[in-house]
Amino acid sequence: TGHANKVAFASAQMVAERPGSVSPLFMYGRTGVGKTHLLESILSQVGTTQPNTTALYLAAEQFTSLFLEALHHSGLPSFRRKYRNVGLLILDDVQFFTGKNATLGELLHTIDTLLRKGHQVVLAADRPPAELDGLGPELTSRLVGGMVCRLDAPDHDVRLEIVRRYVKQLDIAMPADVQQLV
């Protein structure tokens, strides 16, 4: 944890310890800054500490595909029961929803239902909600209605610590000067 992700890390911890306490949680940043890592950590921690909480992690593309499958074949009622009754819904790559009007409508109603129930919604994208053109004002207002956290690239000290941990975990010999270069 470093300066670039301190707020996002603390928010993820709070959500993992008390799902529903900060909902929705929206994290954004460019590729490679750790959004997916934090999302997976939330899912793992909730699964460990609260095994009775139903939790789902999906990429936006998966949510869209499952919704379209339900719309055309398997039926919307079972889709809605599944996704609107979870204690924790995590959606990654929200920018994928841009311009997909039918999916956006379903997502809006899903998020509204979960928020009314006091359940946890966590989302991540490559840019802040206000810059996700094509999501619509209703969904954008829901996304900014909770906590919005920006993640930046880790600074040199954090990157060096990551390298050190990998070296130790993999039990390989790597001189300190090489670690600095990596």
C-alpha atoms as a PDB file:
ATOM      1  CA  THR A   1       0.000   0.000   0.000  1.00  0.00           C
ATOM      2  CA  GLY A   2       1.338   3.391  -0.944  1.00  0.00           C
ATOM      3  CA  HIS A   3       0.221   6.955  -1.393  1.00  0.00           C
ATOM      4  CA  ALA A   4      -1.255   6.176  -4.829  1.00  0.00           C
ATOM      5  CA  ASN A   5      -3.777   3.653  -3.493  1.00  0.00           C
ATOM      6  CA  LYS A   6      -4.183   4.411   0.228  1.00  0.00           C
ATOM      7  CA  VAL A   7      -7.797   5.617   0.056  1.00  0.00           C
ATOM      8  CA  ALA A   8      -8.871   2.803  -2.286  1.00  0.00           C
ATOM      9  CA  PHE A   9      -7.149   0.232  -0.064  1.00  0.00           C
ATOM     10  CA  ALA A  10      -8.823   1.562   3.095  1.00  0.00           C
ATOM     11  CA  SER A  11     -12.216   1.613   1.349  1.00  0.00           C
ATOM     12  CA  ALA A  12     -11.743  -1.938   0.098  1.00  0.00           C
ATOM     13  CA  GLN A  13     -10.851  -3.056   3.634  1.00  0.00           C
ATOM     14  CA  MET A  14     -13.942  -1.372   5.054  1.00  0.00           C
ATOM     15  CA  VAL A  15     -16.170  -3.033   2.454  1.00  0.00           C
ATOM     16  CA  ALA A  16     -14.553  -6.431   3.043  1.00  0.00           C
ATOM     17  CA  GLU A  17     -15.030  -6.158   6.801  1.00  0.00           C
ATOM     18  CA  ARG A  18     -18.545  -4.700   6.688  1.00  0.00           C
ATOM     19  CA  PRO A  19     -20.265  -5.271   3.329  1.00  0.00           C
ATOM     20  CA  GLY A  20     -22.919  -2.650   2.742  1.00  0.00           C
ATOM     21  CA  SER A  21     -21.126   0.011   4.789  1.00  0.00           C
ATOM     22  CA  VAL A  22     -19.929   1.935   1.720  1.00  0.00           C
ATOM     23  CA  SER A  23     -22.102   1.128  -1.240  1.00  0.00           C
ATOM     24  CA  PRO A  24     -21.500   1.525  -4.023  1.00  0.00           C
ATOM     25  CA  LEU A  25     -17.715   1.610  -3.973  1.00  0.00           C
ATOM     26  CA  PHE A  26     -16.333   2.737  -7.317  1.00  0.00           C
ATOM     27  CA  MET A  27     -12.612   2.458  -8.044  1.00  0.00           C
ATOM     28  CA  TYR A  28     -10.950   3.777 -11.159  1.00  0.00           C
ATOM     29  CA  GLY A  29      -7.515   4.073 -12.679  1.00  0.00           C
ATOM     30  CA  ARG A  30      -5.573   3.141 -15.750  1.00  0.00           C
ATOM     31  CA  THR A  31      -4.656  -0.446 -16.559  1.00  0.00           C
ATOM     32  CA  GLY A  32      -2.153  -2.038 -14.208  1.00  0.00           C
ATOM     33  CA  VAL A  33      -2.687   0.040 -11.068  1.00  0.00           C
ATOM     34  CA  GLY A  34      -4.313  -2.737  -9.019  1.00  0.00           C
ATOM     35  CA  LYS A  35      -8.083  -2.342  -9.399  1.00  0.00           C
ATOM     36  CA  THR A  36      -8.739  -5.988 -10.176  1.00  0.00           C
ATOM     37  CA  HIS A  37      -6.356  -7.033  -7.411  1.00  0.00           C
ATOM     38  CA  LEU A  38      -8.386  -5.027  -4.873  1.00  0.00           C
ATOM     39  CA  LEU A  39     -11.675  -6.410  -6.225  1.00  0.00           C
ATOM     40  CA  GLU A  40     -10.420  -9.983  -5.921  1.00  0.00           C
ATOM     41  CA  SER A  41      -9.153  -9.248  -2.414  1.00  0.00           C
ATOM     42  CA  ILE A  42     -12.577  -7.984  -1.344  1.00  0.00           C
ATOM     43  CA  LEU A  43     -14.190 -11.126  -2.731  1.00  0.00           C
ATOM     44  CA  SER A  44     -11.649 -13.373  -1.013  1.00  0.00           C
ATOM     45  CA  GLN A  45     -11.907 -11.615   2.350  1.00  0.00           C
ATOM     46  CA  VAL A  46     -15.713 -11.650   2.363  1.00  0.00           C
ATOM     47  CA  GLY A  47     -15.669 -15.334   1.396  1.00  0.00           C
ATOM     48  CA  THR A  48     -13.334 -16.093   4.292  1.00  0.00           C
ATOM     49  CA  THR A  49     -14.843 -13.949   7.042  1.00  0.00           C
ATOM     50  CA  GLN A  50     -18.504 -14.072   5.993  1.00  0.00           C
ATOM     51  CA  PRO A  51     -19.055 -17.406   4.246  1.00  0.00           C
ATOM     52  CA  ASN A  52     -22.849 -17.006   4.403  1.00  0.00           C
ATOM     53  CA  THR A  53     -22.728 -13.888   2.225  1.00  0.00           C
ATOM     54  CA  THR A  54     -23.509 -14.630  -1.400  1.00  0.00           C
ATOM     55  CA  ALA A  55     -20.878 -12.869  -3.468  1.00  0.00           C
ATOM     56  CA  LEU A  56     -20.419 -12.590  -7.223  1.00  0.00           C
ATOM     57  CA  TYR A  57     -17.525 -11.178  -9.208  1.00  0.00           C
ATOM     58  CA  LEU A  58     -18.062 -10.523 -12.895  1.00  0.00           C
ATOM     59  CA  ALA A  59     -16.421  -8.572 -15.634  1.00  0.00           C
ATOM     60  CA  ALA A  60     -18.880  -6.224 -17.320  1.00  0.00           C
ATOM     61  CA  GLU A  61     -18.615  -8.315 -20.468  1.00  0.00           C
ATOM     62  CA  GLN A  62     -19.727 -11.425 -18.532  1.00  0.00           C
ATOM     63  CA  PHE A  63     -22.680  -9.571 -16.997  1.00  0.00           C
ATOM     64  CA  THR A  64     -23.704  -8.390 -20.472  1.00  0.00           C
ATOM     65  CA  SER A  65     -23.429 -11.875 -21.997  1.00  0.00           C
ATOM     66  CA  LEU A  66     -25.407 -13.466 -19.165  1.00  0.00           C
ATOM     67  CA  PHE A  67     -28.078 -10.775 -19.402  1.00  0.00           C
ATOM     68  CA  LEU A  68     -28.431 -11.223 -23.169  1.00  0.00           C
ATOM     69  CA  GLU A  69     -28.607 -15.002 -22.730  1.00  0.00           C
ATOM     70  CA  ALA A  70     -31.394 -14.549 -20.194  1.00  0.00           C
ATOM     71  CA  LEU A  71     -33.166 -12.021 -22.391  1.00  0.00           C
ATOM     72  CA  HIS A  72     -33.178 -14.282 -25.436  1.00  0.00           C
ATOM     73  CA  HIS A  73     -33.261 -17.780 -23.975  1.00  0.00           C
ATOM     74  CA  SER A  74     -33.204 -18.651 -20.293  1.00  0.00           C
ATOM     75  CA  GLY A  75     -35.530 -15.952 -18.975  1.00  0.00           C
ATOM     76  CA  LEU A  76     -35.126 -12.710 -17.095  1.00  0.00           C
ATOM     77  CA  PRO A  77     -36.816 -13.723 -13.817  1.00  0.00           C
ATOM     78  CA  SER A  78     -34.098 -16.231 -12.920  1.00  0.00           C
ATOM     79  CA  PHE A  79     -31.365 -13.761 -13.971  1.00  0.00           C
ATOM     80  CA  ARG A  80     -32.891 -11.086 -11.761  1.00  0.00           C
ATOM     81  CA  ARG A  81     -33.287 -13.444  -8.797  1.00  0.00           C
ATOM     82  CA  LYS A  82     -29.642 -14.427  -9.066  1.00  0.00           C
ATOM     83  CA  TYR A  83     -28.092 -10.958  -9.380  1.00  0.00           C
ATOM     84  CA  ARG A  84     -30.513  -8.926  -7.279  1.00  0.00           C
ATOM     85  CA  ASN A  85     -30.278 -11.160  -4.221  1.00  0.00           C
ATOM     86  CA  VAL A  86     -26.526 -11.287  -3.673  1.00  0.00           C
ATOM     87  CA  GLY A  87     -24.961  -9.707  -0.614  1.00  0.00           C
ATOM     88  CA  LEU A  88     -21.967  -8.540  -2.643  1.00  0.00           C
ATOM     89  CA  LEU A  89     -21.848  -7.782  -6.364  1.00  0.00           C
ATOM     90  CA  ILE A  90     -18.488  -6.871  -7.860  1.00  0.00           C
ATOM     91  CA  LEU A  91     -18.309  -5.651 -11.463  1.00  0.00           C
ATOM     92  CA  ASP A  92     -15.002  -4.960 -13.196  1.00  0.00           C
ATOM     93  CA  ASP A  93     -14.384  -2.988 -16.403  1.00  0.00           C
ATOM     94  CA  VAL A  94     -17.584  -0.944 -16.149  1.00  0.00           C
ATOM     95  CA  GLN A  95     -16.490   1.088 -19.179  1.00  0.00           C
ATOM     96  CA  PHE A  96     -17.571  -1.945 -21.254  1.00  0.00           C
ATOM     97  CA  PHE A  97     -21.242  -1.079 -20.525  1.00  0.00           C
ATOM     98  CA  THR A  98     -20.998   2.233 -22.409  1.00  0.00           C
ATOM     99  CA  GLY A  99     -23.659   2.433 -25.083  1.00  0.00           C
ATOM    100  CA  LYS A 100     -25.295  -0.919 -24.255  1.00  0.00           C
ATOM    101  CA  ASN A 101     -28.720   0.502 -23.436  1.00  0.00           C
ATOM    102  CA  ALA A 102     -30.617  -2.686 -22.580  1.00  0.00           C
ATOM    103  CA  THR A 103     -27.806  -3.909 -20.326  1.00  0.00           C
ATOM    104  CA  LEU A 104     -27.487  -0.465 -18.736  1.00  0.00           C
ATOM    105  CA  GLY A 105     -31.176  -0.486 -17.852  1.00  0.00           C
ATOM    106  CA  GLU A 106     -30.882  -3.913 -16.252  1.00  0.00           C
ATOM    107  CA  LEU A 107     -27.719  -2.879 -14.412  1.00  0.00           C
ATOM    108  CA  LEU A 108     -29.396   0.261 -13.074  1.00  0.00           C
ATOM    109  CA  HIS A 109     -32.329  -1.730 -11.686  1.00  0.00           C
ATOM    110  CA  THR A 110     -29.975  -4.353 -10.257  1.00  0.00           C
ATOM    111  CA  ILE A 111     -27.880  -1.733  -8.474  1.00  0.00           C
ATOM    112  CA  ASP A 112     -30.997   0.068  -7.202  1.00  0.00           C
ATOM    113  CA  THR A 113     -32.383  -3.177  -5.801  1.00  0.00           C
ATOM    114  CA  LEU A 114     -29.123  -4.071  -4.064  1.00  0.00           C
ATOM    115  CA  LEU A 115     -28.714  -0.581  -2.598  1.00  0.00           C
ATOM    116  CA  ARG A 116     -32.294  -0.578  -1.266  1.00  0.00           C
ATOM    117  CA  LYS A 117     -31.549  -3.870   0.490  1.00  0.00           C
ATOM    118  CA  GLY A 118     -28.368  -2.427   2.019  1.00  0.00           C
ATOM    119  CA  HIS A 119     -26.183  -4.848   0.062  1.00  0.00           C
ATOM    120  CA  GLN A 120     -22.720  -4.127  -1.249  1.00  0.00           C
ATOM    121  CA  VAL A 121     -21.929  -3.092  -4.811  1.00  0.00           C
ATOM    122  CA  VAL A 122     -18.310  -2.626  -5.903  1.00  0.00           C
ATOM    123  CA  LEU A 123     -17.364  -1.440  -9.378  1.00  0.00           C
ATOM    124  CA  ALA A 124     -14.156  -0.610 -11.205  1.00  0.00           C
ATOM    125  CA  ALA A 125     -13.357   1.167 -14.452  1.00  0.00           C
ATOM    126  CA  ASP A 126     -10.515   2.807 -16.285  1.00  0.00           C
ATOM    127  CA  ARG A 127     -11.868   6.322 -15.662  1.00  0.00           C
ATOM    128  CA  PRO A 128     -14.197   8.121 -13.238  1.00  0.00           C
ATOM    129  CA  PRO A 129     -17.981   7.817 -13.608  1.00  0.00           C
ATOM    130  CA  ALA A 130     -18.361  11.359 -14.966  1.00  0.00           C
ATOM    131  CA  GLU A 131     -16.049  10.476 -17.861  1.00  0.00           C
ATOM    132  CA  LEU A 132     -17.866   7.256 -18.779  1.00  0.00           C
ATOM    133  CA  ASP A 133     -19.907   8.773 -21.587  1.00  0.00           C
ATOM    134  CA  GLY A 134     -22.866   6.679 -22.566  1.00  0.00           C
ATOM    135  CA  LEU A 135     -23.787   5.303 -19.125  1.00  0.00           C
ATOM    136  CA  GLY A 136     -26.590   7.800 -18.691  1.00  0.00           C
ATOM    137  CA  PRO A 137     -27.221  10.278 -15.889  1.00  0.00           C
ATOM    138  CA  GLU A 138     -29.241   7.868 -13.728  1.00  0.00           C
ATOM    139  CA  LEU A 139     -26.530   5.218 -13.541  1.00  0.00           C
ATOM    140  CA  THR A 140     -23.766   7.791 -13.205  1.00  0.00           C
ATOM    141  CA  SER A 141     -25.546   9.352 -10.232  1.00  0.00           C
ATOM    142  CA  ARG A 142     -25.782   5.921  -8.538  1.00  0.00           C
ATOM    143  CA  LEU A 143     -22.075   5.289  -9.118  1.00  0.00           C
ATOM    144  CA  VAL A 144     -21.027   8.572  -7.520  1.00  0.00           C
ATOM    145  CA  GLY A 145     -23.566   8.180  -4.709  1.00  0.00           C
ATOM    146  CA  GLY A 146     -21.169   6.150  -2.595  1.00  0.00           C
ATOM    147  CA  MET A 147     -17.370   6.247  -2.439  1.00  0.00           C
ATOM    148  CA  VAL A 148     -15.320   6.988  -5.556  1.00  0.00           C
ATOM    149  CA  CYS A 149     -11.603   6.178  -5.294  1.00  0.00           C
ATOM    150  CA  ARG A 150      -8.841   6.887  -7.761  1.00  0.00           C
ATOM    151  CA  LEU A 151      -5.855   4.560  -8.040  1.00  0.00           C
ATOM    152  CA  ASP A 152      -2.629   5.835  -9.519  1.00  0.00           C
ATOM    153  CA  ALA A 153       0.502   3.976 -10.506  1.00  0.00           C
ATOM    154  CA  PRO A 154       2.528   2.931  -7.459  1.00  0.00           C
ATOM    155  CA  ASP A 155       5.566   5.027  -6.637  1.00  0.00           C
ATOM    156  CA  HIS A 156       9.124   3.685  -6.763  1.00  0.00           C
ATOM    157  CA  ASP A 157       9.191   2.469  -3.147  1.00  0.00           C
ATOM    158  CA  VAL A 158       5.980   0.469  -3.541  1.00  0.00           C
ATOM    159  CA  ARG A 159       7.159  -1.060  -6.834  1.00  0.00           C
ATOM    160  CA  LEU A 160      10.450  -2.034  -5.209  1.00  0.00           C
ATOM    161  CA  GLU A 161       8.609  -3.658  -2.299  1.00  0.00           C
ATOM    162  CA  ILE A 162       6.482  -5.644  -4.750  1.00  0.00           C
ATOM    163  CA  VAL A 163       9.633  -6.910  -6.473  1.00  0.00           C
ATOM    164  CA  ARG A 164      11.188  -7.816  -3.106  1.00  0.00           C
ATOM    165  CA  ARG A 165       8.115  -9.805  -2.112  1.00  0.00           C
ATOM    166  CA  TYR A 166       8.079 -11.711  -5.403  1.00  0.00           C
ATOM    167  CA  VAL A 167      11.776 -12.496  -5.052  1.00  0.00           C
ATOM    168  CA  LYS A 168      11.154 -13.833  -1.557  1.00  0.00           C
ATOM    169  CA  GLN A 169       7.966 -15.707  -2.519  1.00  0.00           C
ATOM    170  CA  LEU A 170       9.622 -17.340  -5.525  1.00  0.00           C
ATOM    171  CA  ASP A 171      12.767 -18.005  -3.494  1.00  0.00           C
ATOM    172  CA  ILE A 172      15.111 -16.721  -6.168  1.00  0.00           C
ATOM    173  CA  ALA A 173      18.422 -14.950  -5.830  1.00  0.00           C
ATOM    174  CA  MET A 174      18.321 -11.423  -7.168  1.00  0.00           C
ATOM    175  CA  PRO A 175      20.836  -8.770  -6.168  1.00  0.00           C
ATOM    176  CA  ALA A 176      19.440  -5.501  -4.763  1.00  0.00           C
ATOM    177  CA  ASP A 177      20.747  -3.505  -7.734  1.00  0.00           C
ATOM    178  CA  VAL A 178      18.858  -5.792 -10.142  1.00  0.00           C
ATOM    179  CA  GLN A 179      15.714  -5.429  -8.019  1.00  0.00           C
ATOM    180  CA  GLN A 180      16.095  -1.664  -8.381  1.00  0.00           C
ATOM    181  CA  LEU A 181      16.194  -2.014 -12.166  1.00  0.00           C
ATOM    182  CA  VAL A 182      13.188  -4.307 -12.290  1.00  0.00           C
END
